[in-house]
């Protein structure tokens, strides 16, 4: 198996449905450090109903044949709470008066010397000045695993913009009495009501159906033919290097511009769920059901026999996308827009992808970066567009991406390039400024919820993206040291013997803890 899924998003708890309301844009207020651009507040996402882990092959109950021995003991995370809480923010105390550590090298070298695992590449920099405080094999590209999502997230924030939202729409062509459901790239739709307070389920298909039905009734339309337009994304919807068996394991799904709950299927009460083979077609069927409930008779749209409504590959609409031309040169649109629901902001979707380490959301973001960069939204163009968007900060000569989630062992990123992007976010004054604050938080959230628990200076302070495959462990992020200086780091190792992967992760955590504890002068 070439591609071992890294840190799969496990089944999410049931999103509460709220009464339909007008769409509102939430404003998140975060404190900013004097000299740093990192967002100072982080929403604690207390993940529920699953065990947050680094790699599916390390989970005893998830089927797979890349099993690491010994296995990591999995701890279930608490049920989600209704309210959010503020995490102590790393940048809240950052200013130029905090002393820069001068003996980081001595501290880190001692940890590496004692480790039974050799071959780490790492770099530590001062977040404000960009001075390199420690470097070891930092320019050697390595398999990054899910740390790849750092690049995808940064590119999305830069190219698409943090406040942008993705719209799922309905359009009506009076001449053919055809209603088209058009996928706009939101992978986090719900089948129910839109919930402005949620990221997963911010836009709901029931709300879209009810608004659409109301508009149709205003025009005395009681019956429509329902079609689906997924032409926002082009090319293959499943990368050649991925394993189809991983769909049933809940690791990935065909990447289509319309899906409910990132393509998960089955009861939300189960600890692990599969994802769908045809997420857009499933969403179309759910929408058709709600449209009928709202009083509109529907032909097509049930995922059954209408070829133009929902093909086995996801239901590409035969007539082309809004405002595009047919092959014969004649203009063809899906008609006038009737209704829309919008996603959470790109910043919120980025945070969701990073905290949950969701491969599907990361691949969708890659496609959306390609569109923002003027390319086709596709699995082929996504990785290229991510690197293009980061071209000023990443050495493209040594970086190679074949996907935007980190599923592939063929991805290559050097520690130096990761810390370059992280440091750029510290001093940014645009959407990129929030990047590190969207990472999992040590001892609290996501794939770091069970790491750094007993480290008083690291727990709640370390913000980092994990990356684990069966022979890879990586961690990249930021930490406020004991004297108030903000440091960014990237630590990577690949080609590790499977029986030493836990020791490698312990070494990574020891290094980061030493940075958090550092007076280092």
Protein backbone atom coordinates (compact mmCIF):
# COMPACT_ATOMS: atom_id res chain seq x y z
CA UNK A 1 0.00 0.00 0.00
CA UNK A 2 1.68 3.18 -1.16
CA UNK A 3 -0.43 5.73 0.68
CA UNK A 4 -1.08 5.18 4.34
CA UNK A 5 -3.68 7.66 5.61
CA UNK A 6 -2.32 10.06 8.14
CA UNK A 7 -4.45 11.10 11.11
CA UNK A 8 -7.88 10.34 9.74
CA UNK A 9 -10.78 12.42 10.86
CA UNK A 10 -12.95 10.07 12.85
CA UNK A 11 -16.73 10.27 13.06
CA UNK A 12 -18.01 13.50 14.43
CA UNK A 13 -20.73 13.93 16.99
CA UNK A 14 -24.20 14.93 15.86
CA UNK A 15 -24.45 18.57 14.96
CA UNK A 16 -27.46 20.18 16.65
CA UNK A 17 -30.00 21.64 14.24
CA UNK A 18 -31.18 25.16 14.92
CA UNK A 19 -34.29 26.88 13.53
CA UNK A 20 -33.65 28.47 10.18
CA UNK A 21 -32.40 31.99 10.48
CA UNK A 22 -30.97 34.59 8.20
CA UNK A 23 -27.35 33.97 7.38
CA UNK A 24 -25.08 35.99 9.56
CA UNK A 25 -21.37 36.44 9.46
CA UNK A 26 -19.74 35.84 12.77
CA UNK A 27 -16.93 38.15 13.77
CA UNK A 28 -14.21 36.50 15.77
CA UNK A 29 -12.33 38.89 18.00
CA UNK A 30 -8.84 37.85 18.82
CA UNK A 31 -6.15 39.71 20.62
CA UNK A 32 -2.98 40.43 18.70
CA UNK A 33 0.54 40.56 20.09
CA UNK A 34 2.48 43.82 19.82
CA UNK A 35 4.88 42.65 17.18
CA UNK A 36 3.41 39.37 16.06
CA UNK A 37 0.63 38.67 13.67
CA UNK A 38 -0.46 35.38 15.24
CA UNK A 39 -4.06 35.34 16.32
CA UNK A 40 -4.14 35.44 20.09
CA UNK A 41 -7.29 33.50 20.73
CA UNK A 42 -8.10 29.96 19.77
CA UNK A 43 -11.43 28.24 19.84
CA UNK A 44 -11.04 25.02 21.75
CA UNK A 45 -12.65 22.28 19.72
CA UNK A 46 -13.41 19.51 22.19
CA UNK A 47 -13.81 16.64 19.82
CA UNK A 48 -16.35 13.97 20.63
CA UNK A 49 -17.38 10.48 19.77
CA UNK A 50 -14.02 9.24 18.53
CA UNK A 51 -10.44 8.66 19.48
CA UNK A 52 -8.11 11.32 18.07
CA UNK A 53 -4.98 9.57 16.90
CA UNK A 54 -2.10 10.10 14.53
CA UNK A 55 -2.53 7.31 12.03
CA UNK A 56 -5.31 4.89 11.30
CA UNK A 57 -2.90 1.97 11.18
CA UNK A 58 -2.05 2.68 14.81
CA UNK A 59 -5.65 2.31 15.92
CA UNK A 60 -6.56 -1.15 17.18
CA UNK A 61 -10.18 -1.05 16.00
CA UNK A 62 -9.69 0.44 12.54
CA UNK A 63 -8.96 -2.15 9.86
CA UNK A 64 -5.68 -1.89 8.04
CA UNK A 65 -2.66 -3.96 7.24
CA UNK A 66 0.04 -1.45 8.08
CA UNK A 67 0.03 -2.14 11.80
CA UNK A 68 2.69 -0.64 14.00
CA UNK A 69 3.93 -2.60 17.00
CA UNK A 70 3.60 -1.74 19.75
CA UNK A 71 0.28 -0.02 19.20
CA UNK A 72 -0.47 3.42 20.59
CA UNK A 73 -3.04 3.18 23.34
CA UNK A 74 -6.02 5.24 22.27
CA UNK A 75 -7.90 7.51 24.61
CA UNK A 76 -11.40 8.68 23.74
CA UNK A 77 -11.99 12.41 23.81
CA UNK A 78 -14.91 13.96 25.73
CA UNK A 79 -18.33 14.69 24.29
CA UNK A 80 -18.43 18.17 22.73
CA UNK A 81 -19.61 21.03 24.88
CA UNK A 82 -22.03 23.69 23.71
CA UNK A 83 -19.81 26.63 24.52
CA UNK A 84 -16.35 27.47 23.28
CA UNK A 85 -13.50 28.34 25.58
CA UNK A 86 -10.46 30.54 25.07
CA UNK A 87 -7.05 28.91 25.19
CA UNK A 88 -4.09 30.84 26.61
CA UNK A 89 -2.75 32.33 23.41
CA UNK A 90 0.93 31.99 22.55
CA UNK A 91 1.27 35.42 21.01
CA UNK A 92 -0.52 37.32 23.74
CA UNK A 93 2.73 37.94 25.61
CA UNK A 94 5.04 38.30 22.63
CA UNK A 95 7.02 41.48 22.28
CA UNK A 96 10.57 42.49 21.48
CA UNK A 97 11.56 42.82 25.14
CA UNK A 98 11.42 39.05 25.78
CA UNK A 99 14.98 37.65 25.68
CA UNK A 100 16.03 35.51 22.74
CA UNK A 101 17.31 32.10 23.90
CA UNK A 102 20.97 31.50 23.12
CA UNK A 103 21.60 27.89 24.20
CA UNK A 104 18.82 26.04 22.37
CA UNK A 105 21.43 24.01 20.49
CA UNK A 106 22.96 22.62 23.68
CA UNK A 107 19.53 21.59 25.00
CA UNK A 108 18.32 19.96 21.80
CA UNK A 109 21.61 18.20 21.11
CA UNK A 110 21.44 16.53 24.52
CA UNK A 111 17.95 15.16 23.75
CA UNK A 112 19.01 13.88 20.34
CA UNK A 113 22.10 12.22 21.82
CA UNK A 114 19.96 10.33 24.36
CA UNK A 115 17.35 9.26 21.81
CA UNK A 116 17.49 5.69 20.49
CA UNK A 117 16.25 6.99 17.13
CA UNK A 118 18.64 8.81 14.83
CA UNK A 119 18.12 10.79 11.65
CA UNK A 120 15.96 13.76 12.64
CA UNK A 121 15.77 16.90 10.55
CA UNK A 122 14.72 19.99 12.44
CA UNK A 123 14.86 23.73 12.64
CA UNK A 124 13.97 26.20 15.39
CA UNK A 125 13.63 29.92 14.70
CA UNK A 126 12.80 33.03 16.63
CA UNK A 127 9.26 33.93 15.58
CA UNK A 128 9.85 37.67 15.40
CA UNK A 129 13.41 38.13 14.18
CA UNK A 130 13.52 34.98 12.01
CA UNK A 131 16.93 34.13 13.48
CA UNK A 132 17.72 30.43 13.25
CA UNK A 133 18.32 29.12 16.79
CA UNK A 134 18.94 25.50 15.86
CA UNK A 135 19.21 23.55 12.61
CA UNK A 136 20.05 19.96 11.77
CA UNK A 137 19.60 18.50 8.28
CA UNK A 138 17.01 21.23 7.84
CA UNK A 139 17.24 21.42 4.04
CA UNK A 140 16.77 17.71 3.41
CA UNK A 141 13.27 17.00 2.02
CA UNK A 142 11.38 14.30 3.89
CA UNK A 143 7.99 12.62 3.78
CA UNK A 144 5.92 15.07 5.85
CA UNK A 145 2.72 13.01 6.32
CA UNK A 146 -0.14 15.21 7.50
CA UNK A 147 2.17 18.16 8.17
CA UNK A 148 1.54 18.71 4.45
CA UNK A 149 -1.69 20.36 5.61
CA UNK A 150 0.36 23.29 6.93
CA UNK A 151 1.21 24.23 3.35
CA UNK A 152 -2.38 23.67 2.19
CA UNK A 153 -3.78 25.79 5.00
CA UNK A 154 -1.31 28.62 4.43
CA UNK A 155 -2.02 28.66 0.70
CA UNK A 156 -5.77 28.70 1.30
CA UNK A 157 -5.51 31.65 3.68
CA UNK A 158 -3.28 33.57 1.27
CA UNK A 159 -5.02 32.79 -2.04
CA UNK A 160 -8.68 32.37 -1.17
CA UNK A 161 -8.77 34.71 1.81
CA UNK A 162 -9.77 33.95 5.38
CA UNK A 163 -13.20 35.60 5.23
CA UNK A 164 -14.31 34.00 1.97
CA UNK A 165 -17.27 31.61 2.06
CA UNK A 166 -18.20 28.84 -0.38
CA UNK A 167 -21.75 28.93 -1.74
CA UNK A 168 -24.00 26.00 -2.63
CA UNK A 169 -26.75 27.27 -4.94
CA UNK A 170 -29.88 26.35 -6.82
CA UNK A 171 -30.61 27.70 -10.30
CA UNK A 172 -33.82 27.47 -12.31
CA UNK A 173 -34.16 27.36 -16.10
CA UNK A 174 -37.75 28.28 -16.94
CA UNK A 175 -37.45 27.13 -20.55
CA UNK A 176 -36.85 23.53 -19.50
CA UNK A 177 -38.41 23.64 -16.05
CA UNK A 178 -35.06 22.38 -14.73
CA UNK A 179 -33.74 23.07 -11.26
CA UNK A 180 -29.98 22.58 -10.83
CA UNK A 181 -28.24 22.01 -7.54
CA UNK A 182 -24.74 23.41 -7.99
CA UNK A 183 -21.85 22.32 -5.78
CA UNK A 184 -19.68 25.21 -4.70
CA UNK A 185 -16.96 23.37 -2.82
CA UNK A 186 -18.42 23.22 0.70
CA UNK A 187 -17.47 19.79 2.15
CA UNK A 188 -19.20 20.51 5.44
CA UNK A 189 -22.83 20.83 4.47
CA UNK A 190 -25.47 19.29 6.69
CA UNK A 191 -28.60 17.52 5.48
CA UNK A 192 -30.68 19.67 7.82
CA UNK A 193 -31.04 23.33 8.72
CA UNK A 194 -28.20 25.80 8.30
CA UNK A 195 -26.52 26.46 11.63
CA UNK A 196 -24.69 29.80 11.75
CA UNK A 197 -22.97 28.74 14.99
CA UNK A 198 -21.31 25.67 13.43
CA UNK A 199 -18.49 25.06 11.00
CA UNK A 200 -19.65 21.55 10.10
CA UNK A 201 -23.24 22.27 9.10
CA UNK A 202 -23.00 26.03 8.67
CA UNK A 203 -24.88 25.56 5.41
CA UNK A 204 -27.78 23.09 5.39
CA UNK A 205 -29.53 21.41 2.48
CA UNK A 206 -32.92 21.56 4.20
CA UNK A 207 -32.59 25.33 4.44
CA UNK A 208 -31.55 25.50 0.79
CA UNK A 209 -34.50 23.32 -0.23
CA UNK A 210 -37.01 25.38 1.74
CA UNK A 211 -35.69 28.67 0.35
CA UNK A 212 -35.72 27.18 -3.14
CA UNK A 213 -39.27 25.89 -2.74
CA UNK A 214 -40.46 29.28 -1.53
CA UNK A 215 -38.94 30.97 -4.60
CA UNK A 216 -40.49 28.39 -6.96
CA UNK A 217 -43.92 28.77 -5.38
CA UNK A 218 -43.67 32.53 -5.79
CA UNK A 219 -43.42 31.83 -9.52
CA UNK A 220 -46.27 29.28 -9.41
CA UNK A 221 -43.90 26.37 -10.08
CA UNK A 222 -44.90 23.16 -8.32
CA UNK A 223 -42.88 20.54 -10.20
CA UNK A 224 -39.30 20.51 -11.49
CA UNK A 225 -36.74 18.24 -13.06
CA UNK A 226 -33.75 18.18 -10.73
CA UNK A 227 -30.19 18.07 -12.02
CA UNK A 228 -26.78 18.25 -10.37
CA UNK A 229 -23.81 20.38 -11.38
CA UNK A 230 -20.44 19.28 -10.01
CA UNK A 231 -18.41 20.85 -12.81
CA UNK A 232 -16.60 23.16 -10.39
CA UNK A 233 -14.01 20.39 -10.08
CA UNK A 234 -12.51 18.71 -13.12
CA UNK A 235 -10.59 15.53 -13.86
CA UNK A 236 -10.46 12.44 -11.68
CA UNK A 237 -12.02 12.77 -8.24
CA UNK A 238 -9.82 10.10 -6.66
CA UNK A 239 -6.02 10.24 -6.87
CA UNK A 240 -4.31 7.31 -8.55
CA UNK A 241 -2.05 6.74 -5.55
CA UNK A 242 -4.87 6.44 -3.03
CA UNK A 243 -6.46 3.13 -2.06
CA UNK A 244 -10.19 2.69 -2.72
CA UNK A 245 -10.31 0.51 0.41
CA UNK A 246 -9.57 3.64 2.46
CA UNK A 247 -13.03 5.00 1.64
CA UNK A 248 -14.61 2.25 3.74
CA UNK A 249 -12.12 3.04 6.52
CA UNK A 250 -13.31 6.65 6.64
CA UNK A 251 -9.95 8.06 5.56
CA UNK A 252 -10.87 9.66 2.24
CA UNK A 253 -13.74 9.99 -0.24
CA UNK A 254 -13.95 11.03 -3.91
CA UNK A 255 -13.25 14.75 -3.93
CA UNK A 256 -16.37 16.42 -5.29
CA UNK A 257 -17.62 20.01 -4.79
CA UNK A 258 -20.79 18.91 -2.98
CA UNK A 259 -20.96 16.63 0.05
CA UNK A 260 -22.57 16.27 3.44
CA UNK A 261 -20.34 16.04 6.52
CA UNK A 262 -17.20 15.39 4.44
CA UNK A 263 -18.84 12.34 2.91
CA UNK A 264 -19.37 10.33 6.09
CA UNK A 265 -22.18 7.77 6.01
CA UNK A 266 -23.86 5.60 8.60
CA UNK A 267 -24.84 6.26 12.18
CA UNK A 268 -23.05 9.08 13.94
CA UNK A 269 -23.15 7.00 17.12
CA UNK A 270 -20.49 4.65 15.77
CA UNK A 271 -16.90 5.22 16.83
CA UNK A 272 -15.68 4.83 13.25
CA UNK A 273 -17.62 5.45 10.07
CA UNK A 274 -17.04 4.83 6.40
CA UNK A 275 -17.20 7.55 3.81
CA UNK A 276 -19.28 7.49 0.65
CA UNK A 277 -18.23 6.28 -2.78
CA UNK A 278 -20.41 9.04 -4.33
CA UNK A 279 -20.82 11.95 -1.89
CA UNK A 280 -22.30 14.42 -4.40
CA UNK A 281 -25.00 11.97 -5.46
CA UNK A 282 -25.84 11.35 -1.80
CA UNK A 283 -26.18 15.09 -1.24
CA UNK A 284 -28.43 15.40 -4.30
CA UNK A 285 -30.72 12.67 -2.96
CA UNK A 286 -30.91 14.38 0.45
CA UNK A 287 -31.74 17.71 -1.20
CA UNK A 288 -34.44 16.10 -3.37
CA UNK A 289 -36.03 14.60 -0.28
CA UNK A 290 -36.15 17.98 1.47
CA UNK A 291 -37.48 19.69 -1.66
CA UNK A 292 -40.36 17.23 -1.79
CA UNK A 293 -41.07 17.82 1.90
CA UNK A 294 -41.22 21.54 1.10
CA UNK A 295 -44.00 20.93 -1.43
CA UNK A 296 -42.20 20.68 -4.77
CA UNK A 297 -42.69 17.57 -6.92
CA UNK A 298 -39.35 16.32 -8.22
CA UNK A 299 -38.32 14.15 -11.12
CA UNK A 300 -34.71 13.01 -11.19
CA UNK A 301 -32.33 13.78 -8.36
CA UNK A 302 -32.78 10.51 -6.52
CA UNK A 303 -29.52 9.00 -7.64
CA UNK A 304 -31.46 6.40 -9.56
CA UNK A 305 -31.99 6.20 -13.29
CA UNK A 306 -31.68 9.75 -14.62
CA UNK A 307 -28.25 9.88 -16.22
CA UNK A 308 -28.06 13.65 -16.27
CA UNK A 309 -29.14 13.93 -12.64
CA UNK A 310 -26.60 11.77 -10.90
CA UNK A 311 -23.98 9.62 -12.52
CA UNK A 312 -22.09 6.93 -10.67
CA UNK A 313 -19.03 9.15 -10.57
CA UNK A 314 -20.86 11.82 -8.62
CA UNK A 315 -23.45 13.31 -10.90
CA UNK A 316 -21.69 15.71 -13.22
CA UNK A 317 -24.30 17.92 -14.86
CA UNK A 318 -24.43 17.32 -18.59
CA UNK A 319 -24.98 20.93 -19.56
CA UNK A 320 -21.89 22.61 -18.15
CA UNK A 321 -21.34 25.04 -15.29
CA UNK A 322 -22.90 28.42 -14.74
CA UNK A 323 -21.88 30.87 -17.40
CA UNK A 324 -19.77 28.43 -19.42
CA UNK A 325 -20.03 27.46 -23.06
CA UNK A 326 -20.98 24.14 -24.56
CA UNK A 327 -18.59 22.29 -26.84
CA UNK A 328 -20.47 23.62 -29.87
CA UNK A 329 -19.88 27.20 -28.77
CA UNK A 330 -23.45 27.98 -27.72
CA UNK A 331 -24.00 29.64 -24.37
CA UNK A 332 -25.51 27.47 -21.65
CA UNK A 333 -26.25 28.39 -18.07
CA UNK A 334 -28.19 26.66 -15.37
CA UNK A 335 -30.63 29.56 -15.26
CA UNK A 336 -31.24 32.24 -12.65
CA UNK A 337 -30.09 31.65 -9.09
CA UNK A 338 -32.98 30.96 -6.74
CA UNK A 339 -31.30 30.35 -3.39
CA UNK A 340 -27.99 29.72 -1.72
CA UNK A 341 -26.44 28.62 1.52
CA UNK A 342 -22.89 29.53 2.47
CA UNK A 343 -20.15 27.72 4.29
CA UNK A 344 -18.25 28.89 7.31
CA UNK A 345 -15.33 31.16 6.46
CA UNK A 346 -12.19 29.72 4.90
CA UNK A 347 -10.37 30.50 8.15
CA UNK A 348 -12.84 28.37 10.07
CA UNK A 349 -12.67 25.57 7.50
CA UNK A 350 -8.87 25.68 7.66
CA UNK A 351 -9.01 25.37 11.43
CA UNK A 352 -11.40 22.44 11.10
CA UNK A 353 -9.06 20.69 8.66
CA UNK A 354 -6.05 21.18 10.93
CA UNK A 355 -7.62 20.28 14.27
CA UNK A 356 -9.42 17.23 12.89
CA UNK A 357 -6.58 16.48 10.44
CA UNK A 358 -9.31 15.88 7.90
CA UNK A 359 -7.92 14.60 4.62
CA UNK A 360 -11.11 15.31 2.66
CA UNK A 361 -11.29 18.96 3.72
CA UNK A 362 -7.58 19.39 2.96
CA UNK A 363 -8.03 18.03 -0.56
CA UNK A 364 -11.05 20.26 -1.15
CA UNK A 365 -9.01 23.25 0.01
CA UNK A 366 -6.31 22.25 -2.47
CA UNK A 367 -8.84 22.33 -5.30
CA UNK A 368 -10.14 25.70 -4.11
CA UNK A 369 -6.60 27.12 -4.00
CA UNK A 370 -6.19 26.03 -7.62
CA UNK A 371 -9.37 27.88 -8.59
CA UNK A 372 -8.23 30.98 -6.67
CA UNK A 373 -4.91 30.78 -8.52
CA UNK A 374 -6.69 30.73 -11.88
CA UNK A 375 -6.28 27.01 -12.55
CA UNK A 376 -8.74 24.15 -12.82
CA UNK A 377 -10.05 22.86 -9.52
CA UNK A 378 -8.57 19.39 -9.64
CA UNK A 379 -6.46 16.90 -7.72
CA UNK A 380 -3.75 17.42 -10.32
CA UNK A 381 -3.66 21.21 -10.13
CA UNK A 382 -4.25 21.52 -6.36
CA UNK A 383 -0.74 20.57 -5.21
CA UNK A 384 0.83 22.75 -7.92
CA UNK A 385 -1.35 25.69 -6.91
CA UNK A 386 -0.48 25.31 -3.22
CA UNK A 387 3.22 25.55 -4.04
CA UNK A 388 2.62 28.42 -6.45
CA UNK A 389 0.75 30.36 -3.76
CA UNK A 390 3.66 29.83 -1.37
CA UNK A 391 6.33 30.39 -4.00
CA UNK A 392 7.82 33.41 -2.27
CA UNK A 393 8.41 31.51 0.97
CA UNK A 394 9.03 27.91 -0.12
CA UNK A 395 12.03 26.50 -1.96
CA UNK A 396 10.27 24.87 -4.89
CA UNK A 397 13.47 23.19 -5.95
CA UNK A 398 13.36 20.75 -3.05
CA UNK A 399 9.63 20.59 -2.29
CA UNK A 400 7.36 18.12 -4.07
CA UNK A 401 3.65 17.65 -3.43
CA UNK A 402 1.45 15.05 -5.09
CA UNK A 403 -1.55 15.69 -2.86
CA UNK A 404 -2.64 18.37 -0.39
CA UNK A 405 -3.58 16.17 2.57
CA UNK A 406 -0.38 14.21 3.19
CA UNK A 407 -1.76 10.78 2.35
CA UNK A 408 1.07 10.04 -0.05
CA UNK A 409 4.55 8.92 0.94
CA UNK A 410 5.72 10.67 -2.24
CA UNK A 411 5.29 14.17 -0.78
CA UNK A 412 8.56 15.85 0.16
CA UNK A 413 9.01 18.92 2.38
CA UNK A 414 12.14 20.13 4.19
CA UNK A 415 11.98 21.38 7.80
CA UNK A 416 13.46 24.71 6.72
CA UNK A 417 10.57 25.38 4.34
CA UNK A 418 7.98 24.54 6.98
CA UNK A 419 9.50 26.96 9.48
CA UNK A 420 9.73 29.59 6.76
CA UNK A 421 5.96 29.46 6.31
CA UNK A 422 5.36 29.37 10.07
CA UNK A 423 7.58 32.39 10.71
CA UNK A 424 5.91 34.29 7.87
CA UNK A 425 2.57 33.77 9.63
CA UNK A 426 3.96 35.23 12.87
CA UNK A 427 4.68 38.59 11.25
CA UNK A 428 1.83 38.56 8.72
CA UNK A 429 -0.85 41.24 8.77
CA UNK A 430 -3.40 39.39 6.62
CA UNK A 431 -5.33 36.11 6.83
CA UNK A 432 -2.08 34.14 7.13
CA UNK A 433 -1.62 35.64 10.60
CA UNK A 434 -4.06 33.12 12.05
CA UNK A 435 -2.29 30.02 10.76
CA UNK A 436 -0.54 28.75 13.91
CA UNK A 437 -3.50 29.54 16.13
CA UNK A 438 -5.61 27.14 14.05
CA UNK A 439 -3.34 24.17 14.91
CA UNK A 440 -4.21 21.57 17.55
CA UNK A 441 -3.27 22.67 21.07
CA UNK A 442 -1.08 20.52 23.30
CA UNK A 443 -3.08 18.67 25.95
CA UNK A 444 -6.37 20.10 24.73
CA UNK A 445 -7.50 19.63 21.14
CA UNK A 446 -7.36 17.43 18.11
CA UNK A 447 -4.36 15.21 17.50
CA UNK A 448 -2.48 16.86 20.38
CA UNK A 449 -5.22 16.31 22.97
CA UNK A 450 -3.24 13.55 24.71
CA UNK A 451 0.27 14.97 24.28
CA UNK A 452 2.06 17.39 26.64
CA UNK A 453 -0.63 16.75 29.26
CA UNK A 454 1.76 16.83 32.23
CA UNK A 455 4.05 19.57 30.92
CA UNK A 456 3.00 22.79 32.64
CA UNK A 457 4.80 25.09 30.18
CA UNK A 458 3.76 23.16 27.08
CA UNK A 459 0.19 22.07 27.81
CA UNK A 460 -2.23 24.63 26.40
CA UNK A 461 0.66 26.58 24.89
CA UNK A 462 2.09 24.41 22.11
CA UNK A 463 0.20 24.89 18.85
CA UNK A 464 1.38 22.33 16.29
CA UNK A 465 0.34 20.19 13.36
CA UNK A 466 1.08 16.52 13.72
CA UNK A 467 2.07 14.14 10.98
CA UNK A 468 2.27 10.37 11.27
CA UNK A 469 2.52 7.48 8.86
CA UNK A 470 3.69 4.04 9.85
CA UNK A 471 7.35 5.03 9.34
CA UNK A 472 7.03 8.81 9.72
CA UNK A 473 6.50 11.21 12.57
CA UNK A 474 6.50 15.01 12.25
CA UNK A 475 5.50 18.04 14.26
CA UNK A 476 5.54 21.68 13.16
CA UNK A 477 4.22 24.72 14.99
CA UNK A 478 4.96 27.33 17.59
CA UNK A 479 5.51 27.65 21.33
CA UNK A 480 6.04 30.46 23.81
CA UNK A 481 9.14 29.75 25.87
CA UNK A 482 9.35 30.23 29.64
CA UNK A 483 10.61 33.79 29.28
CA UNK A 484 8.00 34.92 26.79
CA UNK A 485 9.79 34.52 23.48
CA UNK A 486 7.81 32.96 20.66
CA UNK A 487 9.59 30.19 18.76
CA UNK A 488 8.58 28.29 15.63
CA UNK A 489 9.83 24.80 14.90
CA UNK A 490 9.66 21.90 12.50
CA UNK A 491 10.81 18.41 13.51
CA UNK A 492 10.67 15.53 11.02
CA UNK A 493 11.88 12.00 10.64
CA UNK A 494 10.98 9.37 8.07
CA UNK A 495 12.09 5.83 7.25
CA UNK A 496 11.82 4.93 10.94
CA UNK A 497 11.66 1.27 11.90
CA UNK A 498 8.07 0.58 12.90
CA UNK A 499 9.07 -0.72 16.32
CA UNK A 500 10.79 2.61 17.04
CA UNK A 501 8.06 5.01 15.95
CA UNK A 502 6.83 5.61 19.51
CA UNK A 503 10.36 6.38 20.66
CA UNK A 504 10.70 8.82 17.77
CA UNK A 505 7.51 10.60 18.79
CA UNK A 506 8.73 10.77 22.39
CA UNK A 507 11.92 12.45 21.18
CA UNK A 508 9.87 14.99 19.23
CA UNK A 509 7.77 15.80 22.29
CA UNK A 510 10.84 16.07 24.50
CA UNK A 511 12.37 18.63 22.14
CA UNK A 512 9.23 20.75 22.05
CA UNK A 513 8.84 20.53 25.83
CA UNK A 514 12.43 21.71 26.21
CA UNK A 515 11.60 24.75 24.08
CA UNK A 516 8.57 25.52 26.24
CA UNK A 517 10.68 25.19 29.41
CA UNK A 518 13.54 27.15 27.91
CA UNK A 519 15.22 30.08 29.61
CA UNK A 520 18.19 28.93 27.57
CA UNK A 521 20.54 31.83 28.25
